C-alpha cells in the first residue's frame, strides 16, 4: 500500500504540467468571457452574461448549432454502423486481422487538417482529382460549392475518418464474445443482423456507449477539417460552432467572441457526455439488479 506522501509524489509531475498548462489558461479564458476584454485595452470591466447573450442572439451561431445537430445525427450513427459492421466482418479473419486493424486505423491517424486538405483536393471544382477525371468524361460536379453536396461531403468525410476508430475499439470486445454464443445463434438460423442484435449488442453495449461518447466529443468540436474542406461554406452552410469560434477569434480578431463560443461548445460536450454516462450507469445498475 502506498502512503499518502507517495501518492502525492506520484501525482505531483502530472499536477505541475496540468495546472499551469491547462487549468490556469482555461480559468483565465472562462473569466475573460465575462468581461469586455479587448487587446491592449487599459481597463477591463465585468459585464456578466452579456457576451453570452450576444452570441446566443447571433444568427450565424444559431445556424451553426442547427448545422452541428445535423452533422451529429448523421455522423455518429453512420460511424457506429460502419465501424461495427467492419468489426463484425473482421471477427472471422484471425490471420489478417492485425494488419487490417492497423490499415483501417490510418484514416483516424491522419490529422483533421490533413483529412480536410485531402478531401478538398479530391473534390475541388478547380483542380480536384475527381473533377479533373470527370472533365474528360464531360461531367463536373461542384461538390464543395453546391448546398446539398457540401453537407453530404462533410458527413462522408467525417464518417470515413471516425468509423475506423469505432472498429479499432469494438473489435477486441467482439473477439472476446464466447464462440459458442455465435454457434448457437447460427444453429438457430439467425441472420447477420439477428446475430448482431442478440449476441454482439448485449455484450458490447457499454463499450459502444463509451465509443459514442468519444465520437460525439470529436464531432461536436470539429473545426479543423472543415476549415480546409469547405471553409464553412458555401456561405455559412457548413459552419459549426467550433469553426465559428476560430473565425471570431482569429479571422475577425475578436478573441472574446471566440472564447464565449468555445465555452458554449464545451457546455454542449459536457451535457451530452453527462447524458450518455448516466444512461450507461443506469444500464449497469439494471444489469446488476
Protein backbone atom coordinates (compact mmCIF):
# COMPACT_ATOMS: atom_id res chain seq x y z
CA UNK A 1 0.00 0.00 0.00
CA UNK A 2 1.26 3.45 -0.91
CA UNK A 3 1.45 6.10 1.77
CA UNK A 4 -0.20 9.49 1.37
CA UNK A 5 3.17 11.10 0.69
CA UNK A 6 3.92 8.57 -2.06
CA UNK A 7 0.52 9.25 -3.65
CA UNK A 8 1.30 12.99 -3.62
CA UNK A 9 4.71 12.40 -5.19
CA UNK A 10 3.17 10.23 -7.92
CA UNK A 11 0.61 12.90 -8.81
CA UNK A 12 3.00 15.85 -8.49
CA UNK A 13 4.51 15.74 -12.04
CA UNK A 14 1.03 15.47 -13.52
CA UNK A 15 -0.19 18.41 -11.45
CA UNK A 16 2.83 20.53 -12.36
CA UNK A 17 2.03 20.02 -16.04
CA UNK A 18 -1.77 20.22 -15.98
CA UNK A 19 -2.30 23.15 -13.61
CA UNK A 20 -0.10 25.78 -15.33
CA UNK A 21 -0.52 24.49 -18.91
CA UNK A 22 -4.23 23.59 -18.94
CA UNK A 23 -6.25 24.61 -15.90
CA UNK A 24 -4.90 28.16 -15.49
CA UNK A 25 -5.44 29.11 -19.19
CA UNK A 26 -8.92 27.56 -19.03
CA UNK A 27 -9.76 29.55 -15.90
CA UNK A 28 -8.37 32.75 -17.47
CA UNK A 29 -10.37 32.22 -20.67
CA UNK A 30 -13.55 31.49 -18.73
CA UNK A 31 -13.10 34.60 -16.59
CA UNK A 32 -12.35 36.72 -19.66
CA UNK A 33 -15.65 35.67 -21.24
CA UNK A 34 -17.46 37.67 -18.52
CA UNK A 35 -15.58 40.90 -19.26
CA UNK A 36 -15.31 43.45 -22.08
CA UNK A 37 -11.73 42.40 -22.76
CA UNK A 38 -10.03 43.97 -25.78
CA UNK A 39 -6.44 43.61 -26.87
CA UNK A 40 -4.21 46.34 -25.43
CA UNK A 41 -7.12 47.88 -23.50
CA UNK A 42 -6.07 49.88 -20.45
CA UNK A 43 -9.14 48.85 -18.44
CA UNK A 44 -11.29 45.72 -18.34
CA UNK A 45 -14.84 45.85 -16.96
CA UNK A 46 -17.02 42.99 -15.70
CA UNK A 47 -20.13 42.59 -17.91
CA UNK A 48 -21.60 39.35 -16.56
CA UNK A 49 -23.55 37.24 -19.04
CA UNK A 50 -23.81 39.98 -21.70
CA UNK A 51 -21.28 38.35 -24.05
CA UNK A 52 -23.13 35.04 -23.90
CA UNK A 53 -26.45 36.77 -24.60
CA UNK A 54 -24.93 38.46 -27.68
CA UNK A 55 -23.59 35.20 -29.06
CA UNK A 56 -26.90 33.41 -28.47
CA UNK A 57 -28.63 36.16 -30.50
CA UNK A 58 -26.09 35.84 -33.33
CA UNK A 59 -27.82 34.43 -36.44
CA UNK A 60 -24.67 32.70 -37.71
CA UNK A 61 -24.13 31.00 -34.35
CA UNK A 62 -27.75 29.83 -34.27
CA UNK A 63 -27.46 28.37 -37.77
CA UNK A 64 -24.18 26.73 -36.81
CA UNK A 65 -25.93 24.95 -33.92
CA UNK A 66 -28.54 23.57 -36.35
CA UNK A 67 -25.75 22.50 -38.72
CA UNK A 68 -23.87 20.82 -35.88
CA UNK A 69 -27.02 18.97 -34.82
CA UNK A 70 -27.46 17.70 -38.40
CA UNK A 71 -23.83 16.58 -38.60
CA UNK A 72 -24.01 14.89 -35.19
CA UNK A 73 -27.22 12.99 -36.02
CA UNK A 74 -25.72 11.78 -39.31
CA UNK A 75 -22.05 11.20 -38.47
CA UNK A 76 -22.34 9.34 -35.14
CA UNK A 77 -24.87 6.69 -36.30
CA UNK A 78 -23.05 6.38 -39.63
CA UNK A 79 -19.65 5.91 -37.99
CA UNK A 80 -21.05 3.43 -35.45
CA UNK A 81 -22.87 1.41 -38.11
CA UNK A 82 -19.88 1.26 -40.47
CA UNK A 83 -17.36 0.69 -37.67
CA UNK A 84 -19.36 -2.08 -36.02
CA UNK A 85 -20.07 -3.67 -39.40
CA UNK A 86 -16.36 -3.76 -40.19
CA UNK A 87 -15.63 -5.22 -36.75
CA UNK A 88 -18.23 -7.93 -37.33
CA UNK A 89 -16.66 -8.75 -40.71
CA UNK A 90 -13.10 -8.80 -39.31
CA UNK A 91 -14.01 -11.08 -36.40
CA UNK A 92 -13.61 -14.21 -38.51
CA UNK A 93 -10.32 -13.28 -40.20
CA UNK A 94 -7.82 -14.11 -37.48
CA UNK A 95 -4.75 -14.31 -39.73
CA UNK A 96 -5.14 -10.94 -41.42
CA UNK A 97 -6.89 -9.20 -38.51
CA UNK A 98 -3.76 -7.49 -37.16
CA UNK A 99 -2.61 -5.65 -40.26
CA UNK A 100 -6.21 -4.97 -41.33
CA UNK A 101 -6.89 -3.27 -37.99
CA UNK A 102 -3.76 -1.16 -38.44
CA UNK A 103 -4.60 -0.20 -42.03
CA UNK A 104 -8.19 0.64 -41.11
CA UNK A 105 -6.95 2.93 -38.35
CA UNK A 106 -4.91 5.05 -40.80
CA UNK A 107 -7.79 7.47 -41.60
CA UNK A 108 -8.13 8.24 -37.89
CA UNK A 109 -4.36 8.72 -37.53
CA UNK A 110 -4.44 11.40 -40.23
CA UNK A 111 -4.87 14.78 -38.57
CA UNK A 112 -8.19 16.60 -39.12
CA UNK A 113 -6.29 19.25 -41.07
CA UNK A 114 -4.73 16.60 -43.31
CA UNK A 115 -8.11 14.95 -43.81
CA UNK A 116 -9.70 18.27 -44.79
CA UNK A 117 -6.92 19.10 -47.23
CA UNK A 118 -7.07 15.62 -48.79
CA UNK A 119 -10.84 15.69 -49.36
CA UNK A 120 -10.65 19.26 -50.65
CA UNK A 121 -8.11 18.33 -53.32
CA UNK A 122 -10.15 15.27 -54.20
CA UNK A 123 -13.39 17.19 -54.76
CA UNK A 124 -12.39 20.77 -55.52
CA UNK A 125 -14.09 22.23 -58.60
CA UNK A 126 -10.93 23.92 -59.92
CA UNK A 127 -8.19 21.31 -59.51
CA UNK A 128 -9.81 18.38 -57.70
CA UNK A 129 -8.83 14.90 -58.82
CA UNK A 130 -12.44 13.71 -59.18
CA UNK A 131 -13.48 16.67 -61.33
CA UNK A 132 -10.26 16.51 -63.36
CA UNK A 133 -11.14 12.93 -64.31
CA UNK A 134 -14.78 13.91 -64.75
CA UNK A 135 -13.82 16.65 -67.19
CA UNK A 136 -12.59 14.00 -69.64
CA UNK A 137 -15.99 12.32 -69.34
CA UNK A 138 -17.88 15.59 -69.68
CA UNK A 139 -19.14 15.52 -66.08
CA UNK A 140 -18.08 18.04 -63.47
CA UNK A 141 -19.88 18.38 -60.12
CA UNK A 142 -19.38 21.36 -57.75
CA UNK A 143 -19.18 19.13 -54.68
CA UNK A 144 -17.92 21.89 -52.36
CA UNK A 145 -19.96 24.72 -53.90
CA UNK A 146 -23.38 23.08 -54.02
CA UNK A 147 -25.55 23.42 -50.91
CA UNK A 148 -26.79 19.83 -50.93
CA UNK A 149 -23.49 18.26 -51.99
CA UNK A 150 -21.29 20.15 -49.49
CA UNK A 151 -23.23 18.87 -46.48
CA UNK A 152 -23.05 15.31 -47.80
CA UNK A 153 -19.31 15.62 -48.45
CA UNK A 154 -18.66 16.75 -44.87
CA UNK A 155 -20.72 13.86 -43.45
CA UNK A 156 -18.99 11.27 -45.66
CA UNK A 157 -15.52 12.65 -44.88
CA UNK A 158 -16.12 12.57 -41.12
CA UNK A 159 -17.61 9.07 -41.20
CA UNK A 160 -14.60 7.93 -43.24
CA UNK A 161 -12.28 9.36 -40.59
CA UNK A 162 -14.21 8.23 -37.49
CA UNK A 163 -15.51 4.75 -38.38
CA UNK A 164 -12.03 3.10 -38.20
CA UNK A 165 -11.70 4.24 -34.58
CA UNK A 166 -15.03 2.57 -33.80
CA UNK A 167 -13.78 -0.65 -35.44
CA UNK A 168 -10.50 -0.50 -33.53
CA UNK A 169 -12.30 -0.10 -30.18
CA UNK A 170 -15.18 -2.53 -30.76
CA UNK A 171 -13.29 -5.41 -32.42
CA UNK A 172 -11.46 -6.64 -29.27
CA UNK A 173 -14.74 -6.81 -27.37
CA UNK A 174 -16.36 -8.70 -30.23
CA UNK A 175 -13.48 -11.19 -30.35
CA UNK A 176 -13.92 -11.89 -26.61
CA UNK A 177 -17.54 -12.99 -27.05
CA UNK A 178 -17.56 -16.79 -26.47
CA UNK A 179 -17.62 -18.76 -29.73
CA UNK A 180 -20.49 -20.96 -28.51
CA UNK A 181 -22.79 -17.91 -28.49
CA UNK A 182 -22.13 -17.35 -32.19
CA UNK A 183 -22.54 -21.06 -32.92
CA UNK A 184 -25.85 -21.19 -31.10
CA UNK A 185 -27.14 -18.16 -32.99
CA UNK A 186 -26.09 -19.75 -36.28
CA UNK A 187 -27.83 -23.01 -35.37
CA UNK A 188 -30.97 -21.03 -34.54
CA UNK A 189 -30.92 -19.67 -38.08
CA UNK A 190 -30.35 -16.04 -37.14
CA UNK A 191 -29.27 -13.67 -39.90
CA UNK A 192 -26.21 -11.43 -39.63
CA UNK A 193 -28.44 -8.69 -38.21
CA UNK A 194 -30.01 -11.14 -35.77
CA UNK A 195 -26.59 -12.33 -34.57
CA UNK A 196 -25.54 -8.72 -34.08
CA UNK A 197 -28.74 -7.85 -32.22
CA UNK A 198 -28.95 -10.88 -29.95
CA UNK A 199 -25.30 -11.88 -29.49
CA UNK A 200 -22.97 -8.95 -30.04
CA UNK A 201 -25.02 -5.97 -28.86
CA UNK A 202 -25.75 -7.18 -25.28
CA UNK A 203 -22.03 -7.80 -24.71
CA UNK A 204 -20.80 -4.63 -26.43
CA UNK A 205 -23.35 -2.06 -25.28
CA UNK A 206 -21.15 -0.44 -22.56
CA UNK A 207 -18.23 -0.30 -25.00
CA UNK A 208 -20.42 1.15 -27.74
CA UNK A 209 -21.73 3.83 -25.38
CA UNK A 210 -18.16 4.81 -24.48
CA UNK A 211 -17.23 4.87 -28.17
CA UNK A 212 -20.30 7.00 -28.87
CA UNK A 213 -19.14 9.47 -26.24
CA UNK A 214 -15.70 9.70 -27.87
CA UNK A 215 -17.10 10.20 -31.37
CA UNK A 216 -19.67 12.70 -30.11
CA UNK A 217 -16.91 14.76 -28.47
CA UNK A 218 -14.88 14.93 -31.69
CA UNK A 219 -17.98 15.67 -33.80
CA UNK A 220 -19.27 18.45 -31.57
CA UNK A 221 -15.87 20.14 -31.56
CA UNK A 222 -14.96 19.62 -35.21
CA UNK A 223 -13.48 22.65 -36.93
CA UNK A 224 -10.01 21.90 -38.32
CA UNK A 225 -11.15 19.56 -41.10
CA UNK A 226 -13.98 21.93 -42.08
CA UNK A 227 -11.59 24.88 -42.23
CA UNK A 228 -9.70 23.28 -45.11
CA UNK A 229 -12.51 21.21 -46.64
CA UNK A 230 -15.29 23.77 -47.11
CA UNK A 231 -14.22 26.76 -45.02
CA UNK A 232 -17.72 26.73 -43.56
CA UNK A 233 -19.25 27.30 -46.99
CA UNK A 234 -20.90 27.61 -49.30
CA UNK A 235 -21.79 30.77 -47.43
CA UNK A 236 -22.14 29.59 -43.84
CA UNK A 237 -23.96 26.36 -44.69
CA UNK A 238 -21.35 24.02 -43.14
CA UNK A 239 -20.26 26.41 -40.38
CA UNK A 240 -20.09 24.75 -36.96
CA UNK A 241 -19.72 26.48 -33.58
CA UNK A 242 -16.11 25.28 -33.34
CA UNK A 243 -15.22 26.77 -36.74
CA UNK A 244 -17.18 29.94 -35.97
CA UNK A 245 -15.21 30.29 -32.73
CA UNK A 246 -12.00 30.18 -34.77
CA UNK A 247 -13.35 32.70 -37.26
CA UNK A 248 -14.34 35.12 -34.50
CA UNK A 249 -11.08 34.72 -32.57
CA UNK A 250 -8.58 34.70 -35.45
CA UNK A 251 -10.06 35.99 -38.69
CA UNK A 252 -12.19 38.75 -37.15
CA UNK A 253 -9.63 39.33 -34.36
CA UNK A 254 -12.27 39.01 -31.65
CA UNK A 255 -10.78 36.61 -29.08
CA UNK A 256 -13.56 37.38 -26.62
CA UNK A 257 -16.27 36.16 -29.02
CA UNK A 258 -14.19 33.07 -29.81
CA UNK A 259 -13.78 32.28 -26.11
CA UNK A 260 -17.51 32.60 -25.45
CA UNK A 261 -18.40 30.28 -28.35
CA UNK A 262 -15.71 27.85 -27.22
CA UNK A 263 -17.23 27.63 -23.76
CA UNK A 264 -20.70 27.11 -25.21
CA UNK A 265 -19.33 24.22 -27.30
CA UNK A 266 -17.66 22.80 -24.18
CA UNK A 267 -21.01 23.03 -22.39
CA UNK A 268 -22.67 21.03 -25.20
CA UNK A 269 -19.99 18.33 -24.97
CA UNK A 270 -20.26 18.14 -21.17
CA UNK A 271 -24.07 17.93 -21.35
CA UNK A 272 -24.05 15.15 -23.94
CA UNK A 273 -21.30 13.31 -22.07
CA UNK A 274 -23.28 13.51 -18.83
CA UNK A 275 -26.42 12.14 -20.50
CA UNK A 276 -24.55 9.19 -22.04
CA UNK A 277 -22.70 8.49 -18.78
CA UNK A 278 -25.92 8.50 -16.74
CA UNK A 279 -27.54 6.19 -19.30
CA UNK A 280 -24.60 3.80 -19.06
CA UNK A 281 -24.69 3.83 -15.25
CA UNK A 282 -28.43 3.09 -15.25
CA UNK A 283 -27.89 0.21 -17.65
CA UNK A 284 -25.18 -1.16 -15.35
CA UNK A 285 -27.40 -0.83 -12.28
CA UNK A 286 -30.26 -2.66 -14.02
CA UNK A 287 -27.88 -5.39 -15.15
CA UNK A 288 -26.55 -5.77 -11.60
CA UNK A 289 -30.07 -5.96 -10.17
